[in-house]
Amino acid sequence: MLDETPELDNPDYVLLRLGRRLRKRASVLDEWWRYYRGRPPMPELPRKAEQAFVDFQRRSRTNFCGVIANSTVHRLRALGVTGRDGEPDANASRWWQMNRLDSRQKAVWRVAMVQSAGYMLVGEHPIRVEDNGRPSPLITAEHPRECIVERDPATGEAYVGLKAMHSDVDGYGYAVVLYDDVRYAYRTRERCTPNRLPWGPDSWVPLDDGVPHGLGGVPLVEFARMPDLGEDPEPEFAVAMDIQDRVNMGVLNRMAASRYSGFRQKTVTGHQFKRKVDPATGLATVEQPFVPGPNSVWVSEGENARFGQLDATDLRPFLAEHASDVRDMLIISQTPAYYYAGDLINISADTVAALDLMHVAKCREHIAAFGESLEDVMTLAAAQAGVEDDYTEATVRWARPEYLSPAVRADAATKLKSIGYPLDIIAEDLDETPERVRRINSSAAAQQLLAASLLPANPAPSAGNLPEPDGGGGVGA
């Protein structure tokens, strides 16, 4: 049985504590994931609803939460890591490309926007080796269903982390408790289900006595989505979930009105309808002789028979309510209104920039937070590779979150060049990667050298252009 002594330096206690936090968080993550995928709870209807209404419930869900989350993910793109002097770092670039962070970073940003936090885990690469013989760093994207960290209340830094997962090969659960200098591995005592790992003190058995890793920090780095001070992070669309439910309810009401009262209903008075009795149930039902059709003529022998129709339900208020709710959702979540471009026609670039203002400000907050975590990741990668560089003082290069047309960017670059900005700074403003900046500088230097070599040489001195020894003006002086 595991030792449950409540101390963070006790890996058995940390395993159970963080594991139970993972289990508690799972139901909330499931709810957020359903909203992101467009499958929130179906709108409620009166009791004893017919199957047709149940079908309406399923069809009335419109996924705006996914749009809100992805609109931010589309604006977040880290280009690479430079050294503390701002120059491209060869090691950081190599580790970046080796671990495919150009694409894997998007998975972390998306899960952070949808599930409130994403993770990157740094360890030993199983194949690649550095020039000094140490294993190259392996950087993997991790999901909050399997990872969690405990932070030091004094510093706010990660003190210990947990990575727990279920193996589809042998059916056991595996977990690793990660400190800044050692890791402890565990396995479940018995086989378990993939969706629910056990977190009792007698459910896990240790696999080792602790293996030092020497990274100088917790290898599990958290990318929390803009947490408020003292609060847990929430997904990007958390503030709009109630409005999403309201939108779905409005769509359901509109569908019901359109289906059952969106057309003019026919009425008949003063007509004697025939009745027939069902021999099985004994219930009397009315025969309906009036069938709508383009070639139908309705005739009644009743003296006071009258035909009429009811007015159809006006669906325009439903549409106006839907548009208002969607606008509220986009405003509260700080998502540009042109993602719901119902009334936006032939808008100018200045209008797009104005609509982008709050969204860009929000993206820059994400960039500031995620950039610090990326610096921690690269510092751990350097420690794994045996490189004595502190990347917490490095700079993470990000693409600009606002959209600018190529013509506007080219015009801005030309003006910056005319007032003396260096070419590499201009290339950075154009969202070029550190590798491309190095190539641009090299190509520009090579072109300048070639141009200088093609200039005509200075003329050789002759009797007509030599100065007089006494500083005179020439031959005729």
Protein backbone atom coordinates (compact mmCIF):
# COMPACT_ATOMS: atom_id res chain seq x y z
CA MET A 1 0.00 0.00 0.00
CA LEU A 2 1.21 3.50 -0.84
CA ASP A 3 2.30 5.98 1.79
CA GLU A 4 -0.32 8.75 2.10
CA THR A 5 1.71 11.05 4.34
CA PRO A 6 0.63 14.55 3.19
CA GLU A 7 3.95 15.93 2.02
CA LEU A 8 4.72 17.16 -1.49
CA ASP A 9 8.13 15.53 -1.26
CA ASN A 10 6.38 12.18 -0.87
CA PRO A 11 5.84 10.82 -4.43
CA ASP A 12 3.17 8.35 -3.27
CA TYR A 13 1.10 11.18 -1.80
CA VAL A 14 1.62 13.32 -4.91
CA LEU A 15 0.49 10.45 -7.15
CA LEU A 16 -2.79 10.05 -5.27
CA ARG A 17 -3.39 13.79 -4.78
CA LEU A 18 -2.83 14.82 -8.38
CA GLY A 19 -4.51 11.70 -9.71
CA ARG A 20 -7.70 12.52 -7.80
CA ARG A 21 -7.51 16.06 -9.12
CA LEU A 22 -7.28 14.62 -12.63
CA ARG A 23 -10.39 12.52 -12.02
CA LYS A 24 -12.29 15.49 -10.58
CA ARG A 25 -11.32 17.67 -13.54
CA ALA A 26 -12.34 15.05 -16.11
CA SER A 27 -16.09 15.79 -15.94
CA VAL A 28 -15.49 19.51 -16.46
CA LEU A 29 -13.16 18.81 -19.39
CA ASP A 30 -15.84 16.58 -20.93
CA GLU A 31 -18.39 19.39 -20.72
CA TRP A 32 -16.03 21.92 -22.31
CA TRP A 33 -15.13 19.45 -25.06
CA ARG A 34 -18.81 18.88 -25.88
CA TYR A 35 -19.36 22.62 -26.22
CA TYR A 36 -16.30 22.97 -28.46
CA ARG A 37 -17.44 20.13 -30.74
CA GLY A 38 -20.93 21.62 -31.01
CA ARG A 39 -22.65 19.01 -28.83
CA PRO A 40 -23.82 20.94 -25.74
CA PRO A 41 -26.92 19.77 -23.83
CA MET A 42 -29.96 19.75 -26.07
CA PRO A 43 -32.52 22.53 -25.46
CA GLU A 44 -35.30 21.51 -23.08
CA LEU A 45 -38.87 21.00 -24.23
CA PRO A 46 -42.11 20.42 -22.34
CA ARG A 47 -42.64 16.98 -20.91
CA LYS A 48 -44.12 14.23 -23.08
CA ALA A 49 -42.51 15.69 -26.20
CA GLU A 50 -42.98 13.74 -29.38
CA GLN A 51 -40.08 12.16 -31.24
CA ALA A 52 -40.23 14.97 -33.78
CA PHE A 53 -39.28 17.44 -31.07
CA VAL A 54 -36.44 15.19 -29.96
CA ASP A 55 -35.12 15.31 -33.53
CA PHE A 56 -35.50 19.09 -33.45
CA GLN A 57 -33.42 19.21 -30.28
CA ARG A 58 -30.58 17.40 -31.98
CA ARG A 59 -30.70 19.58 -35.09
CA SER A 60 -31.03 22.89 -33.28
CA ARG A 61 -27.48 22.93 -31.90
CA THR A 62 -25.23 25.46 -33.67
CA ASN A 63 -21.53 25.37 -32.79
CA PHE A 64 -20.26 28.88 -32.05
CA CYS A 65 -17.96 27.79 -29.20
CA GLY A 66 -15.67 26.09 -31.73
CA VAL A 67 -15.51 29.31 -33.76
CA ILE A 68 -14.58 31.33 -30.66
CA ALA A 69 -11.77 28.94 -29.69
CA ASN A 70 -10.33 28.50 -33.19
CA SER A 71 -10.43 32.23 -33.97
CA THR A 72 -7.74 32.64 -31.31
CA VAL A 73 -5.76 29.54 -32.28
CA HIS A 74 -5.50 30.85 -35.83
CA ARG A 75 -3.72 34.00 -34.57
CA LEU A 76 -1.15 32.22 -32.37
CA ARG A 77 2.00 31.07 -34.18
CA ALA A 78 5.40 30.98 -32.55
CA LEU A 79 8.14 31.35 -35.17
CA GLY A 80 11.07 30.17 -33.07
CA VAL A 81 13.44 31.08 -30.26
CA THR A 82 16.35 33.50 -30.44
CA GLY A 83 19.24 34.01 -28.04
CA ARG A 84 19.34 36.65 -25.35
CA ASP A 85 20.95 39.04 -27.87
CA GLY A 86 18.07 38.58 -30.32
CA GLU A 87 20.17 36.64 -32.82
CA PRO A 88 18.91 33.25 -34.13
CA ASP A 89 20.06 30.37 -31.93
CA ALA A 90 21.27 27.34 -33.86
CA ASN A 91 20.58 24.81 -31.10
CA ALA A 92 17.10 26.12 -30.38
CA SER A 93 16.26 26.08 -34.10
CA ARG A 94 17.48 22.50 -34.45
CA TRP A 95 15.49 21.28 -31.44
CA TRP A 96 12.45 23.19 -32.70
CA GLN A 97 12.53 21.48 -36.09
CA MET A 98 13.50 18.10 -34.64
CA ASN A 99 10.37 18.06 -32.47
CA ARG A 100 8.11 19.53 -35.18
CA LEU A 101 6.98 22.39 -33.00
CA ASP A 102 5.75 24.34 -36.01
CA SER A 103 2.75 21.99 -36.09
CA ARG A 104 2.67 20.54 -32.56
CA GLN A 105 2.37 23.97 -30.99
CA LYS A 106 -1.07 24.35 -32.58
CA ALA A 107 -2.28 21.23 -30.77
CA VAL A 108 -1.19 22.74 -27.45
CA TRP A 109 -2.78 26.13 -28.18
CA ARG A 110 -6.04 24.50 -29.26
CA VAL A 111 -6.34 22.26 -26.22
CA ALA A 112 -5.53 25.26 -24.00
CA MET A 113 -8.33 27.28 -25.63
CA VAL A 114 -10.78 24.37 -25.39
CA GLN A 115 -9.79 22.62 -22.13
CA SER A 116 -8.25 25.57 -20.24
CA ALA A 117 -4.66 24.23 -20.26
CA GLY A 118 -2.19 22.39 -22.46
CA TYR A 119 1.15 20.80 -21.60
CA MET A 120 4.55 20.03 -23.10
CA LEU A 121 6.70 17.24 -21.70
CA VAL A 122 10.49 17.24 -22.14
CA GLY A 123 12.47 14.00 -22.01
CA GLU A 124 15.10 11.90 -23.76
CA HIS A 125 14.76 11.28 -27.48
CA PRO A 126 14.75 7.52 -28.12
CA ILE A 127 16.83 7.76 -31.33
CA ARG A 128 18.64 11.05 -31.79
CA VAL A 129 21.91 11.87 -29.99
CA GLU A 130 23.71 15.19 -29.56
CA ASP A 131 27.33 15.74 -30.59
CA ASN A 132 28.39 15.39 -26.95
CA GLY A 133 26.83 11.94 -26.72
CA ARG A 134 23.78 12.89 -24.67
CA PRO A 135 20.27 11.97 -25.93
CA SER A 136 18.62 14.80 -27.81
CA PRO A 137 15.59 16.45 -26.19
CA LEU A 138 12.16 15.04 -27.00
CA ILE A 139 9.31 17.56 -26.68
CA THR A 140 5.76 16.17 -26.82
CA ALA A 141 2.34 17.83 -26.63
CA GLU A 142 0.24 16.54 -23.73
CA HIS A 143 -3.47 16.66 -22.86
CA PRO A 144 -4.90 17.89 -19.53
CA ARG A 145 -6.76 14.59 -19.15
CA GLU A 146 -3.40 12.94 -18.55
CA CYS A 147 -1.24 15.73 -17.07
CA ILE A 148 -1.44 18.09 -14.12
CA VAL A 149 1.00 20.13 -12.03
CA GLU A 150 1.12 21.28 -8.42
CA ARG A 151 2.48 24.80 -7.94
CA ASP A 152 4.50 26.18 -5.10
CA PRO A 153 2.23 28.69 -3.29
CA ALA A 154 5.22 30.89 -2.46
CA THR A 155 6.66 31.28 -5.97
CA GLY A 156 3.83 30.18 -8.24
CA GLU A 157 6.28 27.91 -10.11
CA ALA A 158 5.55 24.24 -10.79
CA TYR A 159 6.81 22.16 -7.88
CA VAL A 160 5.78 18.67 -9.05
CA GLY A 161 3.90 17.23 -12.01
CA LEU A 162 2.00 14.06 -12.88
CA LYS A 163 1.62 12.24 -16.18
CA ALA A 164 -0.93 9.39 -15.99
CA MET A 165 -2.24 7.30 -18.88
CA HIS A 166 -3.85 3.99 -19.78
CA SER A 167 -2.02 1.51 -21.99
CA ASP A 168 -4.13 -0.11 -24.67
CA VAL A 169 -1.47 -2.82 -25.07
CA ASP A 170 -1.56 -4.48 -21.66
CA GLY A 171 -4.59 -2.75 -20.10
CA TYR A 172 -2.72 -1.29 -17.12
CA GLY A 173 -2.53 2.33 -16.05
CA TYR A 174 0.88 3.98 -15.85
CA ALA A 175 1.89 7.17 -14.07
CA VAL A 176 5.06 9.21 -13.58
CA VAL A 177 5.53 11.71 -10.75
CA LEU A 178 7.95 14.41 -11.92
CA TYR A 179 10.12 16.52 -9.62
CA ASP A 180 12.83 18.95 -10.69
CA ASP A 181 15.56 16.35 -10.21
CA VAL A 182 13.96 12.88 -10.14
CA ARG A 183 11.00 10.97 -11.52
CA TYR A 184 9.02 8.10 -9.94
CA ALA A 185 7.18 5.53 -12.08
CA TYR A 186 4.01 3.65 -11.04
CA ARG A 187 1.64 1.06 -12.49
CA THR A 188 -1.86 0.06 -11.45
CA ARG A 189 -2.07 -3.14 -9.46
CA GLU A 190 -4.77 -4.50 -11.76
CA ARG A 191 -5.98 -3.84 -15.29
CA CYS A 192 -8.44 -0.95 -15.54
CA THR A 193 -10.69 0.87 -17.99
CA PRO A 194 -9.25 3.62 -20.19
CA ASN A 195 -11.64 6.33 -18.97
CA ARG A 196 -11.26 5.86 -15.23
CA LEU A 197 -7.96 5.21 -13.51
CA PRO A 198 -8.19 4.13 -9.84
CA TRP A 199 -6.77 6.49 -7.25
CA GLY A 200 -6.88 4.47 -4.05
CA PRO A 201 -3.72 3.96 -1.95
CA ASP A 202 -3.73 0.24 -2.71
CA SER A 203 -4.41 0.66 -6.47
CA TRP A 204 -0.85 1.49 -7.53
CA VAL A 205 2.54 -0.16 -7.14
CA PRO A 206 5.89 1.64 -7.63
CA LEU A 207 8.10 0.49 -10.49
CA ASP A 208 11.33 2.05 -9.21
CA ASP A 209 12.87 3.98 -6.34
CA GLY A 210 13.22 7.17 -8.35
CA VAL A 211 15.33 7.88 -11.43
CA PRO A 212 17.30 11.17 -11.58
CA HIS A 213 16.86 13.17 -14.78
CA GLY A 214 19.11 16.17 -14.08
CA LEU A 215 17.04 18.75 -15.95
CA GLY A 216 16.98 21.22 -13.10
CA GLY A 217 13.22 21.76 -13.38
CA VAL A 218 9.92 19.91 -13.57
CA PRO A 219 9.90 18.39 -17.10
CA LEU A 220 6.15 19.02 -17.44
CA VAL A 221 5.40 22.62 -18.54
CA GLU A 222 1.86 23.96 -18.31
CA PHE A 223 0.33 26.38 -20.82
CA ALA A 224 -2.65 27.77 -18.89
CA ARG A 225 -5.21 29.81 -20.75
CA MET A 226 -5.19 33.29 -19.15
CA PRO A 227 -5.97 32.33 -15.53
CA ASP A 228 -7.26 35.03 -13.23
CA LEU A 229 -5.29 35.63 -10.06
CA GLY A 230 -6.18 32.91 -7.58
CA GLU A 231 -8.57 31.17 -9.99
CA ASP A 232 -8.32 28.10 -12.17
CA PRO A 233 -8.09 28.72 -15.93
CA GLU A 234 -11.17 28.34 -18.12
CA PRO A 235 -11.63 27.74 -21.85
CA GLU A 236 -11.85 30.60 -24.32
CA PHE A 237 -15.63 30.29 -24.64
CA ALA A 238 -16.45 29.92 -20.92
CA VAL A 239 -18.06 33.37 -20.76
CA ALA A 240 -20.35 32.51 -23.71
CA MET A 241 -21.59 29.04 -22.75
CA ASP A 242 -24.92 30.33 -21.37
CA ILE A 243 -25.49 32.38 -24.53
CA GLN A 244 -24.69 29.28 -26.61
CA ASP A 245 -27.50 27.47 -24.80
CA ARG A 246 -29.78 30.46 -25.43
CA VAL A 247 -28.96 30.43 -29.14
CA ASN A 248 -29.76 26.74 -29.36
CA MET A 249 -33.10 27.28 -27.59
CA GLY A 250 -33.96 30.09 -30.00
CA VAL A 251 -33.12 27.92 -33.00
CA LEU A 252 -35.31 25.14 -31.58
CA ASN A 253 -38.27 27.51 -31.16
CA ARG A 254 -37.82 28.82 -34.69
CA MET A 255 -37.67 25.31 -36.13
CA ALA A 256 -40.83 24.31 -34.28
CA ALA A 257 -42.66 27.45 -35.44
CA SER A 258 -41.46 26.96 -38.99
CA ARG A 259 -42.50 23.32 -39.03
CA TYR A 260 -45.92 23.59 -37.44
CA SER A 261 -47.08 27.18 -37.92
CA GLY A 262 -44.90 28.59 -40.65
CA PHE A 263 -47.53 27.86 -43.29
CA ARG A 264 -51.13 29.00 -43.51
CA GLN A 265 -53.33 26.39 -41.86
CA LYS A 266 -56.70 25.59 -43.47
CA THR A 267 -59.97 25.69 -41.49
CA VAL A 268 -63.39 24.14 -42.21
CA THR A 269 -66.61 24.93 -40.30
CA GLY A 270 -70.18 23.67 -40.78
CA HIS A 271 -69.14 20.44 -42.50
CA GLN A 272 -70.39 17.07 -41.33
CA PHE A 273 -67.38 14.76 -41.14
CA LYS A 274 -67.80 11.02 -41.35
CA ARG A 275 -66.51 8.93 -38.49
CA LYS A 276 -65.20 5.41 -38.48
CA VAL A 277 -64.51 3.04 -35.59
CA ASP A 278 -61.24 1.17 -35.30
CA PRO A 279 -62.20 -2.51 -34.79
CA ALA A 280 -59.03 -3.20 -32.78
CA THR A 281 -59.27 -0.35 -30.30
CA GLY A 282 -62.90 0.73 -30.61
CA LEU A 283 -61.84 4.38 -30.97
CA ALA A 284 -63.76 6.65 -33.34
CA THR A 285 -61.69 8.70 -35.76
CA VAL A 286 -62.65 11.41 -38.21
CA GLU A 287 -62.11 10.90 -41.94
CA GLN A 288 -60.32 13.81 -43.58
CA PRO A 289 -61.68 14.36 -47.09
CA PHE A 290 -59.88 17.66 -47.71
CA VAL A 291 -56.38 17.01 -49.04
CA PRO A 292 -54.30 20.04 -50.11
CA GLY A 293 -53.01 19.90 -53.68
CA PRO A 294 -52.52 22.08 -56.76
CA ASN A 295 -55.45 20.41 -58.60
CA SER A 296 -57.76 19.87 -55.62
CA VAL A 297 -61.20 21.44 -55.31
CA TRP A 298 -62.83 21.27 -51.90
CA VAL A 299 -66.60 20.82 -51.93
CA SER A 300 -68.97 20.43 -48.97
CA GLU A 301 -72.72 19.62 -49.03
CA GLY A 302 -73.25 21.36 -45.73
CA GLU A 303 -75.53 24.42 -45.92
CA ASN A 304 -73.37 26.50 -43.56
CA ALA A 305 -69.95 25.12 -44.55
CA ARG A 306 -67.18 27.69 -44.69
CA PHE A 307 -63.53 27.41 -45.64
CA GLY A 308 -60.78 29.66 -44.31
CA GLN A 309 -57.16 29.80 -43.24
CA LEU A 310 -55.05 30.98 -40.33
CA ASP A 311 -52.18 33.43 -40.65
CA ALA A 312 -48.68 31.92 -40.71
CA THR A 313 -46.26 32.66 -37.88
CA ASP A 314 -43.85 35.50 -38.67
CA LEU A 315 -40.31 34.07 -38.38
CA ARG A 316 -38.53 37.41 -38.59
CA PRO A 317 -38.54 38.02 -34.80
CA PHE A 318 -36.87 34.63 -34.34
CA LEU A 319 -34.14 35.57 -36.83
CA ALA A 320 -33.59 38.96 -35.19
CA GLU A 321 -33.32 37.29 -31.77
CA HIS A 322 -30.80 34.78 -33.16
CA ALA A 323 -28.63 37.51 -34.68
CA SER A 324 -28.72 39.51 -31.42
CA ASP A 325 -27.68 36.49 -29.33
CA VAL A 326 -24.80 35.65 -31.67
CA ARG A 327 -23.55 39.23 -31.57
CA ASP A 328 -23.69 39.15 -27.77
CA MET A 329 -21.66 35.95 -27.77
CA LEU A 330 -18.98 37.39 -30.04
CA ILE A 331 -18.77 40.67 -28.10
CA ILE A 332 -18.46 39.00 -24.70
CA SER A 333 -15.83 36.55 -25.94
CA GLN A 334 -13.95 39.35 -27.77
CA THR A 335 -14.26 37.58 -31.12
CA PRO A 336 -14.31 39.75 -34.29
CA ALA A 337 -17.83 40.41 -35.55
CA TYR A 338 -16.90 39.50 -39.12
CA TYR A 339 -16.89 35.84 -38.08
CA TYR A 340 -20.67 36.31 -38.19
CA ALA A 341 -20.77 38.58 -41.24
CA GLY A 342 -24.53 38.80 -41.63
CA ASP A 343 -24.66 42.59 -41.93
CA LEU A 344 -21.05 43.23 -42.98
CA ILE A 345 -20.81 43.83 -46.72
CA ASN A 346 -17.76 45.21 -48.55
CA ILE A 347 -16.05 46.29 -45.34
CA SER A 348 -12.75 48.17 -45.59
CA ALA A 349 -9.39 47.25 -44.12
CA ASP A 350 -9.79 49.98 -41.49
CA THR A 351 -13.09 48.45 -40.41
CA VAL A 352 -11.48 45.03 -40.09
CA ALA A 353 -8.69 46.54 -37.96
CA ALA A 354 -11.26 48.23 -35.70
CA LEU A 355 -13.22 45.00 -35.29
CA ASP A 356 -9.95 43.20 -34.51
CA LEU A 357 -8.90 45.55 -31.73
CA MET A 358 -10.10 43.61 -28.67
CA HIS A 359 -9.37 40.24 -30.25
CA VAL A 360 -5.76 41.20 -30.98
CA ALA A 361 -5.34 42.50 -27.43
CA LYS A 362 -6.58 39.15 -26.09
CA CYS A 363 -4.22 37.24 -28.38
CA ARG A 364 -1.28 39.31 -27.17
CA GLU A 365 -2.11 38.31 -23.60
CA HIS A 366 -1.95 34.67 -24.66
CA ILE A 367 1.35 35.32 -26.44
CA ALA A 368 2.88 36.86 -23.32
CA ALA A 369 1.87 33.90 -21.13
CA PHE A 370 2.65 31.12 -23.61
CA GLY A 371 5.99 32.71 -24.52
CA GLU A 372 7.22 32.38 -20.93
CA SER A 373 6.26 28.70 -20.90
CA LEU A 374 8.03 28.12 -24.22
CA GLU A 375 11.19 29.60 -22.74
CA ASP A 376 10.93 27.05 -19.91
CA VAL A 377 10.53 24.28 -22.47
CA MET A 378 13.66 25.33 -24.35
CA THR A 379 15.61 25.65 -21.06
CA LEU A 380 14.68 22.06 -20.21
CA ALA A 381 15.62 20.98 -23.74
CA ALA A 382 19.05 22.61 -23.34
CA ALA A 383 19.57 20.82 -20.02
CA GLN A 384 18.65 17.52 -21.64
CA ALA A 385 21.12 18.16 -24.47
CA GLY A 386 23.88 19.20 -22.08
CA VAL A 387 24.01 22.77 -23.40
CA GLU A 388 24.72 25.38 -20.73
CA ASP A 389 22.35 28.06 -21.98
CA ASP A 390 19.57 29.69 -19.97
CA TYR A 391 16.70 30.20 -22.40
CA THR A 392 14.56 31.95 -19.80
CA GLU A 393 16.44 35.06 -20.95
CA ALA A 394 15.81 34.22 -24.60
CA THR A 395 13.08 35.67 -26.80
CA VAL A 396 10.27 33.74 -28.42
CA ARG A 397 9.45 35.18 -31.83
CA TRP A 398 5.72 35.26 -32.65
CA ALA A 399 3.87 36.15 -35.81
CA ARG A 400 1.81 39.31 -35.53
CA PRO A 401 -1.72 38.42 -34.39
CA GLU A 402 -3.35 41.19 -36.44
CA TYR A 403 -3.98 40.77 -40.15
CA LEU A 404 -2.24 43.16 -42.54
CA SER A 405 -2.42 42.88 -46.30
CA PRO A 406 0.85 42.19 -48.18
CA ALA A 407 0.67 45.65 -49.76
CA VAL A 408 0.44 47.36 -46.36
CA ARG A 409 3.34 45.31 -45.01
CA ALA A 410 5.51 46.02 -48.04
CA ASP A 411 4.80 49.74 -47.77
CA ALA A 412 5.68 49.74 -44.05
CA ALA A 413 8.92 47.82 -44.76
CA THR A 414 9.92 50.33 -47.45
CA LYS A 415 9.38 53.27 -45.10
CA LEU A 416 11.34 51.59 -42.29
CA LYS A 417 14.22 50.95 -44.70
CA SER A 418 14.21 54.57 -45.84
CA ILE A 419 14.75 55.84 -42.26
CA GLY A 420 17.63 53.45 -41.63
CA TYR A 421 16.13 50.32 -40.04
CA PRO A 422 18.40 47.26 -40.47
CA LEU A 423 17.23 44.60 -42.87
CA ASP A 424 17.02 41.87 -40.21
CA ILE A 425 14.71 44.00 -38.02
CA ILE A 426 12.46 44.64 -41.00
CA ALA A 427 12.41 40.91 -41.78
CA GLU A 428 11.35 40.19 -38.19
CA ASP A 429 8.49 42.68 -38.53
CA LEU A 430 7.40 40.76 -41.63
CA ASP A 431 7.06 37.58 -39.49
CA GLU A 432 10.04 35.79 -40.99
CA THR A 433 11.41 32.89 -38.95
CA PRO A 434 14.86 33.20 -37.33
CA GLU A 435 16.29 30.88 -40.01
CA ARG A 436 14.83 33.02 -42.79
CA VAL A 437 16.20 36.18 -41.15
CA ARG A 438 19.68 34.65 -41.19
CA ARG A 439 19.30 33.71 -44.87
CA ILE A 440 18.03 37.18 -45.76
CA ASN A 441 21.01 38.81 -44.06
CA SER A 442 23.46 36.45 -45.76
CA SER A 443 21.89 36.98 -49.18
CA ALA A 444 21.88 40.76 -48.76
CA ALA A 445 25.54 40.75 -47.70
CA ALA A 446 26.48 38.56 -50.67
CA GLN A 447 24.65 40.87 -53.08
CA GLN A 448 26.40 43.94 -51.64
CA LEU A 449 29.79 42.23 -51.96
CA LEU A 450 29.04 41.25 -55.57
CA ALA A 451 27.91 44.78 -56.41
CA ALA A 452 31.07 46.25 -54.89
CA SER A 453 33.27 43.90 -56.91
CA LEU A 454 31.64 45.05 -60.17
CA LEU A 455 32.37 48.75 -59.56
CA PRO A 456 35.16 50.29 -61.75
CA ALA A 457 38.55 50.47 -60.03
CA ASN A 458 40.08 53.81 -59.04
CA PRO A 459 42.34 55.27 -61.81
CA ALA A 460 46.09 54.79 -61.35
CA PRO A 461 48.11 57.92 -60.34
CA SER A 462 49.69 59.87 -63.25
CA ALA A 463 51.75 63.03 -63.71
CA GLY A 464 48.61 65.04 -64.35
CA ASN A 465 46.80 64.14 -61.15
CA LEU A 466 49.65 63.92 -58.61
CA PRO A 467 49.66 66.74 -56.01
CA GLU A 468 52.67 69.07 -55.81
CA PRO A 469 55.11 68.36 -52.97
CA ASP A 470 54.61 71.86 -51.60
CA GLY A 471 50.83 71.56 -51.70
CA GLY A 472 50.52 73.67 -54.84
CA GLY A 473 47.60 73.53 -57.16
CA GLY A 474 49.24 71.56 -59.96
CA VAL A 475 51.48 72.02 -62.97
CA GLY A 476 50.48 75.57 -63.69
CA ALA A 477 50.66 76.78 -60.09
